[in-house]
Amino acid sequence: MNIIAWIILGLIAGAIAKAIYPGRQGGGIFATMILGIIGAVIGGTLVTLLDTGKLQLTAASLSISGIIVAIIGAIVAIFIWSLLTRHSSY
């Protein structure tokens, strides 16, 4: 997939994932795009793992099913990021 398709997929998936995920997430358009691209890789890898049983780094494509997989992956990325940056209140 070329770089323009990665950027478009990242913007779409990241924006939808941020809208779906409860709470406030920081970051601008660049952070949203990176989040969506990471989500596409996470989602594509999970789908490949479930489909073939092999752990292989792949990314979702720029299609309806690819966008859905990228959104799910971006939600997972937001969740993991919130766990890593969570501040405990003692």
Protein backbone atom coordinates (compact mmCIF):
# COMPACT_ATOMS: atom_id res chain seq x y z
CA MET A 1 0.00 0.00 0.00
CA ASN A 2 1.43 3.39 -0.89
CA ILE A 3 2.02 6.23 1.54
CA ILE A 4 -1.06 8.23 0.51
CA ALA A 5 -3.32 5.25 1.23
CA TRP A 6 -1.59 4.76 4.62
CA ILE A 7 -2.23 8.41 5.50
CA ILE A 8 -5.89 8.24 4.43
CA LEU A 9 -6.47 4.96 6.28
CA GLY A 10 -4.71 6.37 9.35
CA LEU A 11 -6.81 9.53 9.41
CA ILE A 12 -10.10 7.70 8.94
CA ALA A 13 -9.40 4.89 11.41
CA GLY A 14 -7.79 7.14 14.03
CA ALA A 15 -10.58 9.72 13.95
CA ILE A 16 -13.33 7.10 14.22
CA ALA A 17 -11.50 5.23 17.01
CA LYS A 18 -11.04 8.46 18.98
CA ALA A 19 -14.74 9.23 18.55
CA ILE A 20 -15.79 5.75 19.71
CA TYR A 21 -13.39 5.35 22.64
CA PRO A 22 -14.77 6.88 25.86
CA GLY A 23 -12.89 9.69 27.54
CA ARG A 24 -10.65 12.38 26.17
CA GLN A 25 -7.57 11.55 24.14
CA GLY A 26 -5.02 14.24 23.43
CA GLY A 27 -3.17 14.86 20.22
CA GLY A 28 -3.87 16.60 16.98
CA ILE A 29 -4.25 15.42 13.43
CA PHE A 30 -0.74 13.96 13.27
CA ALA A 31 -1.28 11.90 16.44
CA THR A 32 -4.63 10.71 15.07
CA MET A 33 -2.98 9.64 11.81
CA ILE A 34 -0.19 7.75 13.60
CA LEU A 35 -2.76 6.12 15.87
CA GLY A 36 -4.75 4.95 12.84
CA ILE A 37 -1.66 3.56 11.09
CA ILE A 38 -0.63 1.70 14.25
CA GLY A 39 -4.20 0.46 14.51
CA ALA A 40 -4.07 -0.80 10.92
CA VAL A 41 -0.93 -2.79 11.72
CA ILE A 42 -2.36 -4.15 14.98
CA GLY A 43 -5.68 -5.03 13.35
CA GLY A 44 -4.08 -6.57 10.28
CA THR A 45 -1.76 -8.65 12.43
CA LEU A 46 -4.64 -9.87 14.62
CA VAL A 47 -6.74 -10.82 11.60
CA THR A 48 -3.80 -12.68 10.06
CA LEU A 49 -3.17 -14.48 13.36
CA LEU A 50 -6.81 -15.53 13.64
CA ASP A 51 -7.04 -16.48 9.96
CA THR A 52 -3.79 -18.41 9.47
CA GLY A 53 -2.57 -19.11 12.99
CA LYS A 54 0.76 -17.39 12.24
CA LEU A 55 2.01 -14.21 13.88
CA GLN A 56 2.93 -12.02 10.94
CA LEU A 57 3.14 -8.21 10.75
CA THR A 58 0.64 -7.13 8.13
CA ALA A 59 -1.49 -4.05 7.70
CA ALA A 60 -5.12 -3.62 6.81
CA SER A 61 -5.95 -2.46 3.30
CA LEU A 62 -7.86 0.62 2.22
CA SER A 63 -11.28 -1.03 1.96
CA ILE A 64 -14.38 -1.17 4.14
CA SER A 65 -13.22 -4.30 5.93
CA GLY A 66 -9.70 -2.87 6.22
CA ILE A 67 -11.03 0.32 7.80
CA ILE A 68 -13.09 -1.68 10.30
CA VAL A 69 -10.05 -3.77 11.21
CA ALA A 70 -7.93 -0.62 11.51
CA ILE A 71 -10.53 1.01 13.79
CA ILE A 72 -10.55 -2.03 16.07
CA GLY A 73 -6.76 -2.01 16.10
CA ALA A 74 -6.69 1.73 16.87
CA ILE A 75 -9.08 1.19 19.80
CA VAL A 76 -6.71 -1.49 21.10
CA ALA A 77 -3.81 0.96 20.65
CA ILE A 78 -5.67 3.69 22.57
CA PHE A 79 -6.39 1.22 25.38
CA ILE A 80 -2.76 0.10 25.59
CA TRP A 81 -1.54 3.71 25.49
CA SER A 82 -3.93 4.68 28.29
CA LEU A 83 -2.64 1.78 30.40
CA LEU A 84 0.97 2.85 29.85
CA THR A 85 0.38 6.52 30.61
CA ARG A 86 -2.15 6.14 33.42
CA HIS A 87 -1.19 7.97 36.59
CA SER A 88 -2.13 6.34 39.83
CA SER A 89 -3.61 8.56 42.52
CA TYR A 90 -2.35 7.72 45.97
